[in-house]
């Protein structure tokens, strides 16, 4: 039995819910509910969460304090709303009930509350308050511990020798909505490094970043004088079975975990490599599939000269095979077109 079901059972029939709301995008995040019609909850997730007038009143509440709905909601406005007439009334839910804000920051709101069926009138309100109030402190503490531990667990899911302990971790839904960002990830967003968010709360690689390779494996990203390593992994949050994804957010859509760490090793530029003009031209010709003899013929020089230039370039780039030499030089010279990279 989950939390909402336990509260509904012990309260005598209150429609209990733990609902999240993304305050940046004004999008509802369906969490855990009990006794609501599943189709109605699906419609809430898709549409009614965005026009729920109760959210604005809930935002202003002090976290950790139980309030009755009748004390908070402006009933005339509620009764005139589409939300009440098209979503609450068909379920025969009254304006009674109440709840508590468990968590509220500039980005996300978590509210534990209950709606009361019309037929139960005011009788259920005292029972609901008496049941919930003594548990508020413990629920808040459990939520905070869960968020902290799960954040650490998420950070470690992709960590290996390429990534340091200060790596930035993002979880992004298939519609690019940000589900989770640790402290390092938040710093990247705040400073406008690598990623940015649009008005809909969607995360994108910012203009001017150059990505080398495909985002579905470990790749390097360059932006000005900064270099990062990025790795993306597909996952479905709800299968993890822990908040802030599974029980708390109930996200069943395909999503991505993205981990980003500053590159430990400097990515050299052409100037850093120290190649001469002739050496650079020979290496680029190798990259185009030319043999040393063909390069010598084109450059009107001996094949031994070309081979010596290749050996010199290998020494300067600390490579031991021609293919590695070509990759090293191209890595320092070729950049992907600037713009948005499809993650």
Protein backbone atom coordinates (compact mmCIF):
# COMPACT_ATOMS: atom_id res chain seq x y z
CA UNK A 1 0.00 0.00 0.00
CA UNK A 2 1.45 3.40 -0.96
CA UNK A 3 1.23 6.63 1.01
CA UNK A 4 -1.91 7.98 -0.69
CA UNK A 5 -3.78 4.70 -0.29
CA UNK A 6 -2.84 4.51 3.39
CA UNK A 7 -4.08 8.04 4.02
CA UNK A 8 -7.31 7.45 2.12
CA UNK A 9 -7.99 4.27 4.05
CA UNK A 10 -7.24 5.70 7.48
CA UNK A 11 -9.15 8.93 6.85
CA UNK A 12 -12.39 7.15 6.03
CA UNK A 13 -12.59 7.89 2.33
CA UNK A 14 -10.76 11.12 1.52
CA UNK A 15 -9.39 11.25 -2.04
CA UNK A 16 -5.74 11.60 -1.07
CA UNK A 17 -3.07 12.88 -3.40
CA UNK A 18 0.58 13.90 -3.47
CA UNK A 19 0.88 16.27 -6.39
CA UNK A 20 3.96 17.95 -7.81
CA UNK A 21 3.88 21.14 -9.81
CA UNK A 22 6.70 22.57 -11.91
CA UNK A 23 6.50 26.25 -11.07
CA UNK A 24 8.85 27.26 -13.90
CA UNK A 25 6.66 25.89 -16.66
CA UNK A 26 3.30 25.77 -14.84
CA UNK A 27 3.06 22.08 -15.63
CA UNK A 28 1.55 19.59 -13.26
CA UNK A 29 3.46 16.48 -12.30
CA UNK A 30 1.13 13.66 -11.38
CA UNK A 31 2.39 11.90 -8.31
CA UNK A 32 0.55 9.45 -6.08
CA UNK A 33 -3.24 9.41 -5.76
CA UNK A 34 -5.95 7.22 -4.28
CA UNK A 35 -9.67 6.78 -5.08
CA UNK A 36 -9.59 9.11 -8.10
CA UNK A 37 -10.81 7.84 -11.44
CA UNK A 38 -7.70 6.92 -13.53
CA UNK A 39 -9.07 8.59 -16.66
CA UNK A 40 -9.75 11.77 -14.72
CA UNK A 41 -6.20 11.76 -13.39
CA UNK A 42 -4.87 11.31 -16.91
CA UNK A 43 -6.85 14.36 -18.01
CA UNK A 44 -5.48 16.26 -15.02
CA UNK A 45 -1.94 15.48 -16.09
CA UNK A 46 -2.55 16.43 -19.69
CA UNK A 47 -4.65 19.55 -19.26
CA UNK A 48 -6.36 20.47 -16.00
CA UNK A 49 -3.16 20.84 -13.98
CA UNK A 50 -2.31 23.87 -16.09
CA UNK A 51 -5.64 25.60 -15.33
CA UNK A 52 -6.08 24.46 -11.73
CA UNK A 53 -6.75 27.72 -9.82
CA UNK A 54 -5.91 26.03 -6.55
CA UNK A 55 -2.21 25.85 -7.44
CA UNK A 56 -1.74 29.62 -7.19
CA UNK A 57 -3.27 29.61 -3.71
CA UNK A 58 -1.22 26.60 -2.66
CA UNK A 59 2.01 28.29 -3.81
CA UNK A 60 1.51 30.99 -1.20
CA UNK A 61 1.17 28.55 1.70
CA UNK A 62 3.82 28.13 4.34
CA UNK A 63 5.42 24.68 4.02
CA UNK A 64 4.71 22.36 6.93
CA UNK A 65 1.40 23.94 8.00
CA UNK A 66 -1.92 22.13 7.56
CA UNK A 67 -4.73 24.24 6.11
CA UNK A 68 -8.36 23.50 5.25
CA UNK A 69 -9.39 24.13 1.66
CA UNK A 70 -12.14 26.49 2.77
CA UNK A 71 -9.53 28.66 4.51
CA UNK A 72 -7.37 29.04 1.43
CA UNK A 73 -9.38 28.72 -1.75
CA UNK A 74 -11.40 31.68 -3.00
CA UNK A 75 -14.65 29.80 -3.44
CA UNK A 76 -16.38 32.19 -5.86
CA UNK A 77 -13.41 31.98 -8.20
CA UNK A 78 -13.13 28.23 -7.75
CA UNK A 79 -16.83 27.59 -8.44
CA UNK A 80 -16.68 29.70 -11.61
CA UNK A 81 -13.61 27.90 -12.98
CA UNK A 82 -13.46 25.35 -15.76
CA UNK A 83 -11.40 23.17 -13.46
CA UNK A 84 -14.16 22.92 -10.88
CA UNK A 85 -17.07 22.53 -13.29
CA UNK A 86 -15.43 20.12 -15.74
CA UNK A 87 -13.10 18.16 -13.50
CA UNK A 88 -14.22 18.28 -9.85
CA UNK A 89 -18.02 18.31 -10.20
CA UNK A 90 -18.23 15.25 -12.51
CA UNK A 91 -16.39 13.33 -9.78
CA UNK A 92 -18.79 14.73 -7.14
CA UNK A 93 -15.90 16.29 -5.22
CA UNK A 94 -16.67 19.19 -2.93
CA UNK A 95 -14.58 22.22 -2.00
CA UNK A 96 -13.84 20.64 1.36
CA UNK A 97 -10.66 18.87 2.38
CA UNK A 98 -7.24 20.32 3.02
CA UNK A 99 -3.57 19.56 3.02
CA UNK A 100 -0.01 20.69 3.53
CA UNK A 101 2.86 21.89 1.35
CA UNK A 102 5.71 19.46 2.00
CA UNK A 103 8.25 21.12 -0.25
CA UNK A 104 8.39 24.42 -2.12
CA UNK A 105 11.31 26.07 -3.85
CA UNK A 106 11.50 28.40 -6.87
CA UNK A 107 11.13 25.44 -9.22
CA UNK A 108 9.00 22.71 -7.70
CA UNK A 109 6.06 22.35 -5.36
CA UNK A 110 5.03 19.16 -3.55
CA UNK A 111 1.59 19.15 -1.91
CA UNK A 112 -0.08 16.41 0.11
CA UNK A 113 -3.82 16.90 0.33
CA UNK A 114 -7.27 15.42 -0.09
CA UNK A 115 -10.56 16.19 -1.81
CA UNK A 116 -13.75 15.20 -0.01
CA UNK A 117 -16.76 13.70 -1.81
CA UNK A 118 -19.99 15.73 -1.59
CA UNK A 119 -21.83 12.95 0.22
CA UNK A 120 -19.40 13.05 3.13
CA UNK A 121 -19.89 16.76 3.75
CA UNK A 122 -17.94 18.34 6.58
CA UNK A 123 -17.65 15.14 8.59
CA UNK A 124 -14.39 14.08 7.02
CA UNK A 125 -12.46 17.33 7.52
CA UNK A 126 -11.63 16.85 11.24
CA UNK A 127 -10.59 13.24 10.66
CA UNK A 128 -8.33 14.25 7.81
CA UNK A 129 -6.69 17.04 9.82
CA UNK A 130 -6.23 14.80 12.84
CA UNK A 131 -4.63 12.10 10.74
CA UNK A 132 -2.26 14.30 8.76
CA UNK A 133 -1.10 16.97 11.21
CA UNK A 134 1.00 14.77 13.55
CA UNK A 135 2.84 13.27 10.58
CA UNK A 136 3.83 16.46 8.75
CA UNK A 137 7.29 16.80 10.30
CA UNK A 138 8.17 13.18 9.63
CA UNK A 139 6.89 13.39 6.05
CA UNK A 140 8.96 16.49 5.33
CA UNK A 141 12.06 14.90 6.82
CA UNK A 142 11.53 11.71 4.84
CA UNK A 143 11.07 13.69 1.64
CA UNK A 144 14.24 15.70 2.20
CA UNK A 145 16.29 12.60 3.02
CA UNK A 146 14.89 10.84 -0.03
CA UNK A 147 15.72 13.75 -2.31
CA UNK A 148 19.27 13.96 -0.97
CA UNK A 149 20.02 10.23 -1.11
CA UNK A 150 18.42 9.74 -4.49
CA UNK A 151 20.31 12.69 -5.89
CA UNK A 152 23.56 11.03 -4.84
CA UNK A 153 22.39 7.72 -6.27
CA UNK A 154 21.59 9.33 -9.62
CA UNK A 155 24.97 11.05 -9.72
CA UNK A 156 26.71 7.71 -9.29
CA UNK A 157 24.70 5.85 -11.91
CA UNK A 158 26.96 7.00 -14.75
CA UNK A 159 30.15 7.80 -12.91
CA UNK A 160 33.34 6.09 -14.02
CA UNK A 161 36.99 7.05 -14.45
CA UNK A 162 36.13 9.66 -17.08
CA UNK A 163 33.92 11.64 -14.70
CA UNK A 164 34.89 13.28 -11.44
CA UNK A 165 32.80 13.55 -8.30
CA UNK A 166 31.74 17.09 -9.21
CA UNK A 167 30.01 16.01 -12.41
CA UNK A 168 26.80 17.72 -13.44
CA UNK A 169 23.83 15.37 -13.73
CA UNK A 170 20.64 16.15 -15.66
CA UNK A 171 17.53 14.05 -16.21
CA UNK A 172 15.55 15.16 -19.24
CA UNK A 173 12.23 13.79 -20.50
CA UNK A 174 11.65 12.87 -24.13
CA UNK A 175 10.07 16.29 -24.70
CA UNK A 176 13.29 17.87 -23.32
CA UNK A 177 11.69 18.92 -20.02
CA UNK A 178 14.11 19.04 -17.10
CA UNK A 179 13.20 16.44 -14.47
CA UNK A 180 16.25 16.67 -12.25
CA UNK A 181 19.47 18.68 -11.97
CA UNK A 182 22.06 18.37 -9.23
CA UNK A 183 23.94 21.37 -7.84
CA UNK A 184 26.66 21.27 -10.49
CA UNK A 185 24.04 21.04 -13.24
CA UNK A 186 22.14 23.99 -11.77
CA UNK A 187 25.36 26.02 -11.85
CA UNK A 188 25.84 25.24 -15.54
CA UNK A 189 22.29 26.40 -16.29
CA UNK A 190 22.64 29.54 -14.17
CA UNK A 191 25.91 30.54 -15.80
CA UNK A 192 24.65 29.75 -19.29
CA UNK A 193 27.36 27.18 -19.87
CA UNK A 194 26.63 24.34 -22.29
CA UNK A 195 22.87 24.08 -21.69
CA UNK A 196 20.06 26.57 -21.52
CA UNK A 197 16.32 26.41 -20.91
CA UNK A 198 13.65 27.98 -23.05
CA UNK A 199 10.40 29.48 -21.76
CA UNK A 200 8.77 26.04 -21.77
CA UNK A 201 11.43 24.61 -19.46
CA UNK A 202 13.02 22.57 -22.24
CA UNK A 203 16.77 21.97 -22.08
CA UNK A 204 18.95 22.50 -25.14
CA UNK A 205 22.64 22.71 -25.93
CA UNK A 206 23.33 26.40 -26.32
CA UNK A 207 24.52 28.05 -29.51
CA UNK A 208 28.28 28.13 -29.96
CA UNK A 209 28.91 24.69 -28.47
CA UNK A 210 30.66 22.17 -30.67
CA UNK A 211 30.10 18.47 -30.07
CA UNK A 212 32.49 15.77 -31.27
CA UNK A 213 30.85 12.43 -31.85
CA UNK A 214 27.36 11.20 -31.05
CA UNK A 215 25.58 12.17 -27.81
CA UNK A 216 24.63 8.54 -27.08
CA UNK A 217 28.20 7.77 -26.01
CA UNK A 218 31.02 9.59 -24.22
CA UNK A 219 31.73 12.69 -26.31
CA UNK A 220 33.66 15.90 -25.95
CA UNK A 221 32.03 19.31 -26.13
CA UNK A 222 33.88 22.55 -26.63
CA UNK A 223 32.62 26.06 -25.90
CA UNK A 224 35.24 28.78 -26.11
CA UNK A 225 38.11 27.79 -23.84
CA UNK A 226 36.08 25.20 -21.96
CA UNK A 227 35.93 21.48 -22.72
CA UNK A 228 33.59 18.88 -21.24
CA UNK A 229 32.92 15.17 -21.52
CA UNK A 230 29.25 14.25 -21.86
CA UNK A 231 27.47 10.91 -21.74
CA UNK A 232 23.77 10.21 -22.33
CA UNK A 233 21.85 7.10 -21.29
CA UNK A 234 18.22 6.27 -22.04
CA UNK A 235 16.04 5.29 -19.10
CA UNK A 236 12.45 5.28 -17.89
CA UNK A 237 12.32 7.11 -14.54
CA UNK A 238 9.43 5.20 -13.03
CA UNK A 239 11.25 1.86 -13.25
CA UNK A 240 13.90 3.11 -10.84
CA UNK A 241 11.38 2.84 -8.04
CA UNK A 242 12.60 5.79 -6.03
CA UNK A 243 12.05 9.53 -5.91
CA UNK A 244 12.55 12.05 -7.35
CA UNK A 245 11.51 9.97 -10.35
CA UNK A 246 9.55 6.84 -9.52
CA UNK A 247 7.05 7.15 -6.70
CA UNK A 248 7.17 10.91 -6.45
CA UNK A 249 6.98 11.94 -10.09
CA UNK A 250 5.59 8.86 -11.80
CA UNK A 251 7.32 9.66 -15.08
CA UNK A 252 6.71 6.75 -17.44
CA UNK A 253 7.98 8.34 -20.62
CA UNK A 254 11.34 7.57 -22.17
CA UNK A 255 13.92 9.98 -20.79
CA UNK A 256 17.66 10.57 -20.71
CA UNK A 257 20.24 10.80 -17.98
CA UNK A 258 22.98 13.21 -19.01
CA UNK A 259 26.22 13.50 -17.06
CA UNK A 260 28.72 16.22 -17.84
CA UNK A 261 32.21 16.66 -16.42
CA UNK A 262 34.96 19.10 -17.27
CA UNK A 263 37.56 17.38 -19.44
CA UNK A 264 40.60 16.40 -17.40
CA UNK A 265 42.92 16.78 -20.32
CA UNK A 266 43.26 19.85 -22.52
CA UNK A 267 42.07 19.42 -26.10
CA UNK A 268 44.91 20.92 -28.14
CA UNK A 269 44.45 23.43 -30.89
CA UNK A 270 46.48 23.35 -34.12
CA UNK A 271 48.85 25.89 -32.59
CA UNK A 272 49.25 23.70 -29.52
CA UNK A 273 50.25 20.74 -31.68
CA UNK A 274 53.17 22.67 -33.12
CA UNK A 275 52.88 21.17 -36.61
CA UNK A 276 54.54 22.90 -39.50
CA UNK A 277 52.47 23.85 -42.52
CA UNK A 278 53.88 20.94 -44.50
CA UNK A 279 53.28 18.47 -41.70
CA UNK A 280 49.70 19.64 -41.31
CA UNK A 281 49.07 19.33 -45.07
CA UNK A 282 50.50 15.81 -45.14
CA UNK A 283 48.36 14.68 -42.20
CA UNK A 284 45.20 16.10 -43.77
CA UNK A 285 46.05 14.30 -47.01
CA UNK A 286 46.40 11.06 -45.05
CA UNK A 287 42.99 11.75 -43.59
CA UNK A 288 41.60 12.02 -47.09
CA UNK A 289 42.82 8.51 -47.89
CA UNK A 290 46.01 9.36 -49.74
CA UNK A 291 49.07 7.10 -49.45
CA UNK A 292 52.54 8.54 -48.66
CA UNK A 293 53.57 7.95 -52.28
CA UNK A 294 50.48 9.77 -53.63
CA UNK A 295 51.12 12.65 -51.25
CA UNK A 296 54.76 12.81 -52.37
CA UNK A 297 53.73 12.89 -56.03
CA UNK A 298 51.20 15.68 -55.41
CA UNK A 299 53.69 17.73 -53.40
CA UNK A 300 56.57 17.09 -55.83
CA UNK A 301 58.80 15.71 -53.11
CA UNK A 302 60.25 12.34 -52.17
CA UNK A 303 58.29 9.69 -50.34
CA UNK A 304 61.02 9.66 -47.66
CA UNK A 305 60.36 13.36 -46.97
CA UNK A 306 56.65 12.63 -46.54
CA UNK A 307 57.38 9.73 -44.20
CA UNK A 308 59.71 11.90 -42.12
CA UNK A 309 57.00 14.57 -41.89
CA UNK A 310 54.54 11.90 -40.71
CA UNK A 311 57.01 10.67 -38.07
CA UNK A 312 57.60 14.24 -36.88
CA UNK A 313 53.86 14.89 -36.62
CA UNK A 314 53.41 11.65 -34.64
CA UNK A 315 56.12 12.73 -32.22
CA UNK A 316 54.53 16.15 -31.70
CA UNK A 317 51.06 14.66 -31.16
CA UNK A 318 52.35 11.74 -29.07
CA UNK A 319 50.63 9.22 -31.34
CA UNK A 320 51.95 5.91 -32.67
CA UNK A 321 49.64 5.07 -35.56
CA UNK A 322 48.68 7.08 -38.61
CA UNK A 323 44.99 6.72 -37.82
CA UNK A 324 45.55 8.15 -34.33
CA UNK A 325 47.61 10.97 -35.82
CA UNK A 326 44.81 11.92 -38.20
CA UNK A 327 42.19 11.79 -35.42
CA UNK A 328 44.32 13.96 -33.14
CA UNK A 329 44.80 16.64 -35.77
CA UNK A 330 41.19 16.59 -36.90
CA UNK A 331 40.04 16.83 -33.30
CA UNK A 332 42.02 20.06 -32.99
CA UNK A 333 40.84 21.54 -36.27
CA UNK A 334 37.39 20.30 -37.18
CA UNK A 335 34.36 21.60 -35.33
CA UNK A 336 30.75 20.58 -35.70
CA UNK A 337 28.44 23.31 -37.02
CA UNK A 338 27.27 25.60 -34.21
CA UNK A 339 23.67 25.38 -33.10
CA UNK A 340 21.31 23.12 -31.27
CA UNK A 341 22.33 19.51 -30.93
CA UNK A 342 19.50 17.00 -30.76
CA UNK A 343 19.92 15.20 -27.46
